[in-house]
């Protein structure tokens, strides 16, 4: 294995745009949820008339679908990702809406018979309910509570009880119901993650910035050194992600 300094420097300079994770091939692993979101998404969009994928990133997940909705839209608020989505999905006649964080969904009421999202930043349930047609479907895979907290706490120390309650699937389901949706399916999974070198950790913290919000190599040089020592001694650093699948229908 390369030295810690070389691994860190390489990862600090690597591209983190989009939602592709090819950089981690052979360097980190994460169990997949049992429901197979990519398959469910492909089945749903193939049957949809007008659909929108929220927080699409660079469009990589949607692009894997062999067939898209007859009229397909996506939203993305980070300009580099929006540009990547336009390049990837534009040739398939997908309409890419570059939005501001927290802005309303750019569509009239009752526009979409399908709204999807993989790992939305903060689902806006009233907005989702507003743009769905009666009987329309929301299908999404959300990040759950305490996801990758072992990794976050290595750098930040113990997190608070309030932080641990964030993204609770039961609270999200209740909020969706309150907004006028009916929960048809709610599944949960806790999944093993392993990082096999400190460069993989640097790269993922640059990409998933909410795990350690003030992360930089210089600020956390000591913690990165300790992480490198741990991985060399134990073979990997183990954390656990949380995911839940939500399928809801508009009333």
C-alpha atoms as a PDB file:
ATOM      1  CA  UNK A   1       0.000   0.000   0.000  1.00  0.00           C
ATOM      2  CA  UNK A   2       1.168   3.522  -0.781  1.00  0.00           C
ATOM      3  CA  UNK A   3       2.094   5.873   2.047  1.00  0.00           C
ATOM      4  CA  UNK A   4      -0.650   7.755   3.878  1.00  0.00           C
ATOM      5  CA  UNK A   5       0.574  11.065   2.471  1.00  0.00           C
ATOM      6  CA  UNK A   6       0.421   9.775  -1.116  1.00  0.00           C
ATOM      7  CA  UNK A   7      -3.034   8.257  -0.651  1.00  0.00           C
ATOM      8  CA  UNK A   8      -4.371  11.444   0.927  1.00  0.00           C
ATOM      9  CA  UNK A   9      -2.868  13.721  -1.727  1.00  0.00           C
ATOM     10  CA  UNK A  10      -4.252  11.640  -4.584  1.00  0.00           C
ATOM     11  CA  UNK A  11      -7.759  11.550  -3.074  1.00  0.00           C
ATOM     12  CA  UNK A  12      -7.693  15.272  -2.288  1.00  0.00           C
ATOM     13  CA  UNK A  13      -7.123  16.024  -5.981  1.00  0.00           C
ATOM     14  CA  UNK A  14      -9.576  13.481  -7.434  1.00  0.00           C
ATOM     15  CA  UNK A  15     -12.865  14.442  -9.102  1.00  0.00           C
ATOM     16  CA  UNK A  16     -15.913  14.129  -6.815  1.00  0.00           C
ATOM     17  CA  UNK A  17     -18.590  15.537  -9.134  1.00  0.00           C
ATOM     18  CA  UNK A  18     -21.718  13.529  -9.927  1.00  0.00           C
ATOM     19  CA  UNK A  19     -23.013  10.463  -8.127  1.00  0.00           C
ATOM     20  CA  UNK A  20     -20.668   7.878  -9.569  1.00  0.00           C
ATOM     21  CA  UNK A  21     -18.519   5.973  -7.077  1.00  0.00           C
ATOM     22  CA  UNK A  22     -16.093   4.235  -9.413  1.00  0.00           C
ATOM     23  CA  UNK A  23     -13.144   5.810  -7.597  1.00  0.00           C
ATOM     24  CA  UNK A  24     -13.838   3.461  -4.681  1.00  0.00           C
ATOM     25  CA  UNK A  25     -13.725   0.245  -6.721  1.00  0.00           C
ATOM     26  CA  UNK A  26     -11.444  -2.130  -4.848  1.00  0.00           C
ATOM     27  CA  UNK A  27     -10.900   0.470  -2.100  1.00  0.00           C
ATOM     28  CA  UNK A  28     -14.237   0.444  -0.276  1.00  0.00           C
ATOM     29  CA  UNK A  29     -17.406  -1.642  -0.186  1.00  0.00           C
ATOM     30  CA  UNK A  30     -20.977  -1.128   0.937  1.00  0.00           C
ATOM     31  CA  UNK A  31     -23.726  -3.732   1.175  1.00  0.00           C
ATOM     32  CA  UNK A  32     -26.708  -3.104  -1.080  1.00  0.00           C
ATOM     33  CA  UNK A  33     -30.258  -2.879   0.313  1.00  0.00           C
ATOM     34  CA  UNK A  34     -32.329  -6.017  -0.322  1.00  0.00           C
ATOM     35  CA  UNK A  35     -35.083  -4.293  -2.331  1.00  0.00           C
ATOM     36  CA  UNK A  36     -32.922  -3.375  -5.359  1.00  0.00           C
ATOM     37  CA  UNK A  37     -33.755   0.277  -5.927  1.00  0.00           C
ATOM     38  CA  UNK A  38     -32.242   0.452  -9.423  1.00  0.00           C
ATOM     39  CA  UNK A  39     -34.576  -2.310 -10.603  1.00  0.00           C
ATOM     40  CA  UNK A  40     -37.621  -0.734  -8.946  1.00  0.00           C
ATOM     41  CA  UNK A  41     -36.766   2.638 -10.492  1.00  0.00           C
ATOM     42  CA  UNK A  42     -36.349   1.142 -13.966  1.00  0.00           C
ATOM     43  CA  UNK A  43     -39.716  -0.618 -13.724  1.00  0.00           C
ATOM     44  CA  UNK A  44     -41.469   2.517 -12.473  1.00  0.00           C
ATOM     45  CA  UNK A  45     -40.142   5.033 -15.025  1.00  0.00           C
ATOM     46  CA  UNK A  46     -40.770   2.645 -17.911  1.00  0.00           C
ATOM     47  CA  UNK A  47     -44.475   2.692 -17.029  1.00  0.00           C
ATOM     48  CA  UNK A  48     -44.766   6.424 -16.264  1.00  0.00           C
ATOM     49  CA  UNK A  49     -46.300   9.076 -18.491  1.00  0.00           C
ATOM     50  CA  UNK A  50     -44.664  12.164 -16.921  1.00  0.00           C
ATOM     51  CA  UNK A  51     -41.982  11.653 -14.250  1.00  0.00           C
ATOM     52  CA  UNK A  52     -39.432  13.692 -12.335  1.00  0.00           C
ATOM     53  CA  UNK A  53     -36.313  12.518 -10.496  1.00  0.00           C
ATOM     54  CA  UNK A  54     -35.426  14.886  -7.640  1.00  0.00           C
ATOM     55  CA  UNK A  55     -31.818  15.597  -6.601  1.00  0.00           C
ATOM     56  CA  UNK A  56     -30.620  13.496  -9.511  1.00  0.00           C
ATOM     57  CA  UNK A  57     -26.920  14.306  -9.020  1.00  0.00           C
ATOM     58  CA  UNK A  58     -25.196  13.793 -12.344  1.00  0.00           C
ATOM     59  CA  UNK A  59     -28.070  11.624 -13.563  1.00  0.00           C
ATOM     60  CA  UNK A  60     -26.055   8.430 -13.223  1.00  0.00           C
ATOM     61  CA  UNK A  61     -28.749   6.382 -11.460  1.00  0.00           C
ATOM     62  CA  UNK A  62     -31.542   7.353 -13.834  1.00  0.00           C
ATOM     63  CA  UNK A  63     -29.261   6.826 -16.840  1.00  0.00           C
ATOM     64  CA  UNK A  64     -29.019   3.128 -15.960  1.00  0.00           C
ATOM     65  CA  UNK A  65     -32.742   2.686 -16.738  1.00  0.00           C
ATOM     66  CA  UNK A  66     -33.206   1.089 -20.175  1.00  0.00           C
ATOM     67  CA  UNK A  67     -36.461   3.002 -20.755  1.00  0.00           C
ATOM     68  CA  UNK A  68     -37.542   6.345 -19.283  1.00  0.00           C
ATOM     69  CA  UNK A  69     -40.932   7.981 -18.879  1.00  0.00           C
ATOM     70  CA  UNK A  70     -42.632   9.298 -21.985  1.00  0.00           C
ATOM     71  CA  UNK A  71     -41.788  12.760 -20.599  1.00  0.00           C
ATOM     72  CA  UNK A  72     -38.874  12.663 -18.161  1.00  0.00           C
ATOM     73  CA  UNK A  73     -37.662  15.522 -15.937  1.00  0.00           C
ATOM     74  CA  UNK A  74     -34.928  15.791 -13.286  1.00  0.00           C
ATOM     75  CA  UNK A  75     -33.839  18.435 -10.780  1.00  0.00           C
ATOM     76  CA  UNK A  76     -30.359  19.192  -9.442  1.00  0.00           C
ATOM     77  CA  UNK A  77     -29.119  22.160  -7.416  1.00  0.00           C
ATOM     78  CA  UNK A  78     -25.322  21.794  -7.660  1.00  0.00           C
ATOM     79  CA  UNK A  79     -24.163  23.327 -10.974  1.00  0.00           C
ATOM     80  CA  UNK A  80     -21.369  20.801 -11.758  1.00  0.00           C
ATOM     81  CA  UNK A  81     -23.827  17.934 -11.260  1.00  0.00           C
ATOM     82  CA  UNK A  82     -26.520  19.686 -13.301  1.00  0.00           C
ATOM     83  CA  UNK A  83     -24.051  20.096 -16.154  1.00  0.00           C
ATOM     84  CA  UNK A  84     -23.160  16.427 -15.952  1.00  0.00           C
ATOM     85  CA  UNK A  85     -26.836  15.461 -15.940  1.00  0.00           C
ATOM     86  CA  UNK A  86     -27.473  17.553 -19.046  1.00  0.00           C
ATOM     87  CA  UNK A  87     -24.588  15.854 -20.844  1.00  0.00           C
ATOM     88  CA  UNK A  88     -25.667  12.371 -19.761  1.00  0.00           C
ATOM     89  CA  UNK A  89     -29.455  12.646 -20.008  1.00  0.00           C
ATOM     90  CA  UNK A  90     -29.938  15.384 -22.590  1.00  0.00           C
ATOM     91  CA  UNK A  91     -29.422  12.996 -25.526  1.00  0.00           C
ATOM     92  CA  UNK A  92     -32.392  11.002 -24.149  1.00  0.00           C
ATOM     93  CA  UNK A  93     -34.636  14.110 -24.223  1.00  0.00           C
ATOM     94  CA  UNK A  94     -34.657  14.448 -20.438  1.00  0.00           C
ATOM     95  CA  UNK A  95     -35.479  17.963 -19.212  1.00  0.00           C
ATOM     96  CA  UNK A  96     -32.879  19.006 -16.597  1.00  0.00           C
ATOM     97  CA  UNK A  97     -34.021  21.718 -14.169  1.00  0.00           C
ATOM     98  CA  UNK A  98     -31.208  23.436 -12.300  1.00  0.00           C
ATOM     99  CA  UNK A  99     -32.826  24.579  -9.051  1.00  0.00           C
ATOM    100  CA  UNK A 100     -31.842  26.433  -5.901  1.00  0.00           C
ATOM    101  CA  UNK A 101     -31.554  24.336  -2.707  1.00  0.00           C
ATOM    102  CA  UNK A 102     -34.946  24.222  -1.007  1.00  0.00           C
ATOM    103  CA  UNK A 103     -36.737  25.811  -3.963  1.00  0.00           C
ATOM    104  CA  UNK A 104     -40.194  24.568  -5.037  1.00  0.00           C
ATOM    105  CA  UNK A 105     -40.347  21.805  -7.619  1.00  0.00           C
ATOM    106  CA  UNK A 106     -40.471  23.655 -10.977  1.00  0.00           C
ATOM    107  CA  UNK A 107     -43.830  22.363 -12.177  1.00  0.00           C
ATOM    108  CA  UNK A 108     -47.550  23.169 -11.880  1.00  0.00           C
ATOM    109  CA  UNK A 109     -49.820  21.269  -9.513  1.00  0.00           C
ATOM    110  CA  UNK A 110     -50.662  17.658 -10.431  1.00  0.00           C
ATOM    111  CA  UNK A 111     -48.064  17.384 -13.184  1.00  0.00           C
ATOM    112  CA  UNK A 112     -46.353  14.047 -12.523  1.00  0.00           C
ATOM    113  CA  UNK A 113     -47.712  10.545 -12.178  1.00  0.00           C
ATOM    114  CA  UNK A 114     -44.282   9.510 -10.788  1.00  0.00           C
ATOM    115  CA  UNK A 115     -41.802  11.323  -8.538  1.00  0.00           C
ATOM    116  CA  UNK A 116     -38.565   9.501  -7.702  1.00  0.00           C
ATOM    117  CA  UNK A 117     -35.364  10.196  -5.807  1.00  0.00           C
ATOM    118  CA  UNK A 118     -32.313   8.306  -4.627  1.00  0.00           C
ATOM    119  CA  UNK A 119     -30.937   9.863  -1.458  1.00  0.00           C
ATOM    120  CA  UNK A 120     -32.798  13.194  -1.552  1.00  0.00           C
ATOM    121  CA  UNK A 121     -31.206  16.000   0.442  1.00  0.00           C
ATOM    122  CA  UNK A 122     -34.374  16.954   2.348  1.00  0.00           C
ATOM    123  CA  UNK A 123     -37.686  15.661   0.951  1.00  0.00           C
ATOM    124  CA  UNK A 124     -40.274  18.448   0.764  1.00  0.00           C
ATOM    125  CA  UNK A 125     -43.447  16.456   1.331  1.00  0.00           C
ATOM    126  CA  UNK A 126     -45.959  19.247   0.625  1.00  0.00           C
ATOM    127  CA  UNK A 127     -44.197  19.949  -2.681  1.00  0.00           C
ATOM    128  CA  UNK A 128     -44.108  16.264  -3.616  1.00  0.00           C
ATOM    129  CA  UNK A 129     -47.818  15.954  -2.838  1.00  0.00           C
ATOM    130  CA  UNK A 130     -48.558  19.128  -4.813  1.00  0.00           C
ATOM    131  CA  UNK A 131     -46.970  17.985  -8.082  1.00  0.00           C
ATOM    132  CA  UNK A 132     -48.273  14.401  -8.041  1.00  0.00           C
ATOM    133  CA  UNK A 133     -51.416  13.550  -9.949  1.00  0.00           C
ATOM    134  CA  UNK A 134     -54.199  11.869  -7.905  1.00  0.00           C
ATOM    135  CA  UNK A 135     -53.094   8.269  -7.472  1.00  0.00           C
ATOM    136  CA  UNK A 136     -49.553   9.157  -8.553  1.00  0.00           C
ATOM    137  CA  UNK A 137     -46.556   7.494  -6.900  1.00  0.00           C
ATOM    138  CA  UNK A 138     -43.525   8.677  -4.950  1.00  0.00           C
ATOM    139  CA  UNK A 139     -40.768   6.051  -5.037  1.00  0.00           C
ATOM    140  CA  UNK A 140     -37.471   6.768  -3.320  1.00  0.00           C
ATOM    141  CA  UNK A 141     -34.541   5.374  -1.400  1.00  0.00           C
ATOM    142  CA  UNK A 142     -33.626   7.638   1.514  1.00  0.00           C
ATOM    143  CA  UNK A 143     -30.596   7.781   3.758  1.00  0.00           C
ATOM    144  CA  UNK A 144     -31.613   6.649   7.233  1.00  0.00           C
ATOM    145  CA  UNK A 145     -30.623   7.633  10.773  1.00  0.00           C
ATOM    146  CA  UNK A 146     -27.060   7.301  12.060  1.00  0.00           C
ATOM    147  CA  UNK A 147     -25.753   6.524   8.600  1.00  0.00           C
ATOM    148  CA  UNK A 148     -21.942   6.233   8.573  1.00  0.00           C
ATOM    149  CA  UNK A 149     -21.866   7.639  12.109  1.00  0.00           C
ATOM    150  CA  UNK A 150     -18.809   5.556  13.000  1.00  0.00           C
ATOM    151  CA  UNK A 151     -16.926   7.457  10.308  1.00  0.00           C
ATOM    152  CA  UNK A 152     -18.322  10.845  11.332  1.00  0.00           C
ATOM    153  CA  UNK A 153     -17.524  10.283  14.999  1.00  0.00           C
ATOM    154  CA  UNK A 154     -13.929   9.330  14.219  1.00  0.00           C
ATOM    155  CA  UNK A 155     -13.456  12.936  13.082  1.00  0.00           C
ATOM    156  CA  UNK A 156     -16.063  14.853  15.096  1.00  0.00           C
ATOM    157  CA  UNK A 157     -16.330  12.928  18.343  1.00  0.00           C
ATOM    158  CA  UNK A 158     -19.647  11.689  19.810  1.00  0.00           C
ATOM    159  CA  UNK A 159     -22.706  13.078  18.025  1.00  0.00           C
ATOM    160  CA  UNK A 160     -25.790  14.321  19.857  1.00  0.00           C
ATOM    161  CA  UNK A 161     -29.079  12.537  20.428  1.00  0.00           C
ATOM    162  CA  UNK A 162     -30.752  15.088  18.162  1.00  0.00           C
ATOM    163  CA  UNK A 163     -28.297  14.323  15.364  1.00  0.00           C
ATOM    164  CA  UNK A 164     -28.985  10.612  15.814  1.00  0.00           C
ATOM    165  CA  UNK A 165     -32.740  11.144  15.390  1.00  0.00           C
ATOM    166  CA  UNK A 166     -32.337  12.808  11.993  1.00  0.00           C
ATOM    167  CA  UNK A 167     -33.748  11.035   8.913  1.00  0.00           C
ATOM    168  CA  UNK A 168     -35.911   8.699  10.995  1.00  0.00           C
ATOM    169  CA  UNK A 169     -38.111   6.710   8.564  1.00  0.00           C
ATOM    170  CA  UNK A 170     -41.142   6.736  10.861  1.00  0.00           C
ATOM    171  CA  UNK A 171     -40.955  10.519  11.233  1.00  0.00           C
ATOM    172  CA  UNK A 172     -40.579  10.909   7.461  1.00  0.00           C
ATOM    173  CA  UNK A 173     -43.554   8.633   6.855  1.00  0.00           C
ATOM    174  CA  UNK A 174     -45.658  10.650   9.297  1.00  0.00           C
ATOM    175  CA  UNK A 175     -44.660  13.888   7.555  1.00  0.00           C
ATOM    176  CA  UNK A 176     -45.592  12.399   4.182  1.00  0.00           C
ATOM    177  CA  UNK A 177     -49.001  11.342   5.478  1.00  0.00           C
ATOM    178  CA  UNK A 178     -49.564  14.791   6.959  1.00  0.00           C
ATOM    179  CA  UNK A 179     -48.811  16.337   3.554  1.00  0.00           C
ATOM    180  CA  UNK A 180     -51.526  14.231   1.944  1.00  0.00           C
ATOM    181  CA  UNK A 181     -49.699  11.118   0.789  1.00  0.00           C
ATOM    182  CA  UNK A 182     -50.517   7.535   1.729  1.00  0.00           C
ATOM    183  CA  UNK A 183     -47.581   5.310   2.659  1.00  0.00           C
ATOM    184  CA  UNK A 184     -47.864   2.082   0.689  1.00  0.00           C
ATOM    185  CA  UNK A 185     -44.458   0.607   1.574  1.00  0.00           C
ATOM    186  CA  UNK A 186     -41.686   1.358   4.062  1.00  0.00           C
ATOM    187  CA  UNK A 187     -38.614  -0.889   4.299  1.00  0.00           C
ATOM    188  CA  UNK A 188     -35.456  -0.377   6.347  1.00  0.00           C
ATOM    189  CA  UNK A 189     -31.904  -1.724   6.094  1.00  0.00           C
ATOM    190  CA  UNK A 190     -28.634  -1.270   7.980  1.00  0.00           C
ATOM    191  CA  UNK A 191     -25.643  -2.105   5.820  1.00  0.00           C
ATOM    192  CA  UNK A 192     -21.948  -2.774   6.378  1.00  0.00           C
ATOM    193  CA  UNK A 193     -19.401  -0.381   4.874  1.00  0.00           C
ATOM    194  CA  UNK A 194     -15.628  -0.995   4.749  1.00  0.00           C
ATOM    195  CA  UNK A 195     -12.820   1.360   3.760  1.00  0.00           C
ATOM    196  CA  UNK A 196      -9.518  -0.282   2.816  1.00  0.00           C
ATOM    197  CA  UNK A 197      -7.257   2.779   2.616  1.00  0.00           C
ATOM    198  CA  UNK A 198      -7.272   6.294   3.987  1.00  0.00           C
ATOM    199  CA  UNK A 199      -7.508   7.781   0.490  1.00  0.00           C
ATOM    200  CA  UNK A 200     -10.938   6.189   0.083  1.00  0.00           C
ATOM    201  CA  UNK A 201     -12.002   7.934   3.296  1.00  0.00           C
ATOM    202  CA  UNK A 202     -10.722  11.319   2.102  1.00  0.00           C
ATOM    203  CA  UNK A 203     -12.545  10.946  -1.202  1.00  0.00           C
ATOM    204  CA  UNK A 204     -15.898   9.968   0.350  1.00  0.00           C
ATOM    205  CA  UNK A 205     -15.732  12.811   2.874  1.00  0.00           C
ATOM    206  CA  UNK A 206     -15.153  15.276   0.032  1.00  0.00           C
ATOM    207  CA  UNK A 207     -18.147  13.824  -1.835  1.00  0.00           C
ATOM    208  CA  UNK A 208     -20.573  13.282   1.074  1.00  0.00           C
ATOM    209  CA  UNK A 209     -19.851  16.619   2.710  1.00  0.00           C
ATOM    210  CA  UNK A 210     -22.624  16.297   5.314  1.00  0.00           C
ATOM    211  CA  UNK A 211     -20.768  13.483   7.116  1.00  0.00           C
ATOM    212  CA  UNK A 212     -18.019  15.841   8.311  1.00  0.00           C
ATOM    213  CA  UNK A 213     -19.264  19.309   7.268  1.00  0.00           C
ATOM    214  CA  UNK A 214     -16.002  21.157   7.905  1.00  0.00           C
ATOM    215  CA  UNK A 215     -13.757  18.467   6.481  1.00  0.00           C
ATOM    216  CA  UNK A 216     -10.417  19.347   4.957  1.00  0.00           C
ATOM    217  CA  UNK A 217      -7.188  17.404   4.827  1.00  0.00           C
ATOM    218  CA  UNK A 218      -5.293  20.075   6.730  1.00  0.00           C
ATOM    219  CA  UNK A 219      -7.916  20.439   9.476  1.00  0.00           C
ATOM    220  CA  UNK A 220      -8.127  16.709  10.142  1.00  0.00           C
ATOM    221  CA  UNK A 221      -4.546  15.631   9.425  1.00  0.00           C
ATOM    222  CA  UNK A 222      -4.168  13.975  12.855  1.00  0.00           C
ATOM    223  CA  UNK A 223      -7.447  12.048  12.549  1.00  0.00           C
ATOM    224  CA  UNK A 224      -6.482  10.902   9.060  1.00  0.00           C
ATOM    225  CA  UNK A 225      -3.175   9.656  10.417  1.00  0.00           C
ATOM    226  CA  UNK A 226      -5.001   7.682  13.093  1.00  0.00           C
ATOM    227  CA  UNK A 227      -7.392   6.308  10.455  1.00  0.00           C
ATOM    228  CA  UNK A 228      -4.471   5.169   8.304  1.00  0.00           C
ATOM    229  CA  UNK A 229      -2.889   3.400  11.281  1.00  0.00           C
ATOM    230  CA  UNK A 230      -6.196   1.687  12.116  1.00  0.00           C
ATOM    231  CA  UNK A 231      -6.657   0.428   8.550  1.00  0.00           C
ATOM    232  CA  UNK A 232      -3.102  -0.872   8.298  1.00  0.00           C
ATOM    233  CA  UNK A 233      -3.489  -2.672  11.620  1.00  0.00           C
ATOM    234  CA  UNK A 234      -7.001  -4.107  11.129  1.00  0.00           C
ATOM    235  CA  UNK A 235      -7.282  -4.306   7.344  1.00  0.00           C
ATOM    236  CA  UNK A 236     -10.192  -1.862   7.038  1.00  0.00           C
ATOM    237  CA  UNK A 237     -12.322   0.701   8.826  1.00  0.00           C
ATOM    238  CA  UNK A 238     -15.896  -0.529   9.318  1.00  0.00           C
ATOM    239  CA  UNK A 239     -18.978   1.692   9.440  1.00  0.00           C
ATOM    240  CA  UNK A 240     -22.673   1.127   8.740  1.00  0.00           C
ATOM    241  CA  UNK A 241     -25.034   2.957   6.426  1.00  0.00           C
ATOM    242  CA  UNK A 242     -28.793   3.188   6.912  1.00  0.00           C
ATOM    243  CA  UNK A 243     -31.290   3.189   4.055  1.00  0.00           C
ATOM    244  CA  UNK A 244     -35.049   3.059   3.769  1.00  0.00           C
ATOM    245  CA  UNK A 245     -37.353   2.560   0.817  1.00  0.00           C
ATOM    246  CA  UNK A 246     -40.511   4.667   0.674  1.00  0.00           C
ATOM    247  CA  UNK A 247     -43.355   4.142  -1.750  1.00  0.00           C
ATOM    248  CA  UNK A 248     -46.298   6.510  -1.314  1.00  0.00           C
ATOM    249  CA  UNK A 249     -49.346   7.458  -3.365  1.00  0.00           C
ATOM    250  CA  UNK A 250     -51.130  10.785  -3.753  1.00  0.00           C
ATOM    251  CA  UNK A 251     -54.688  10.923  -2.467  1.00  0.00           C
END
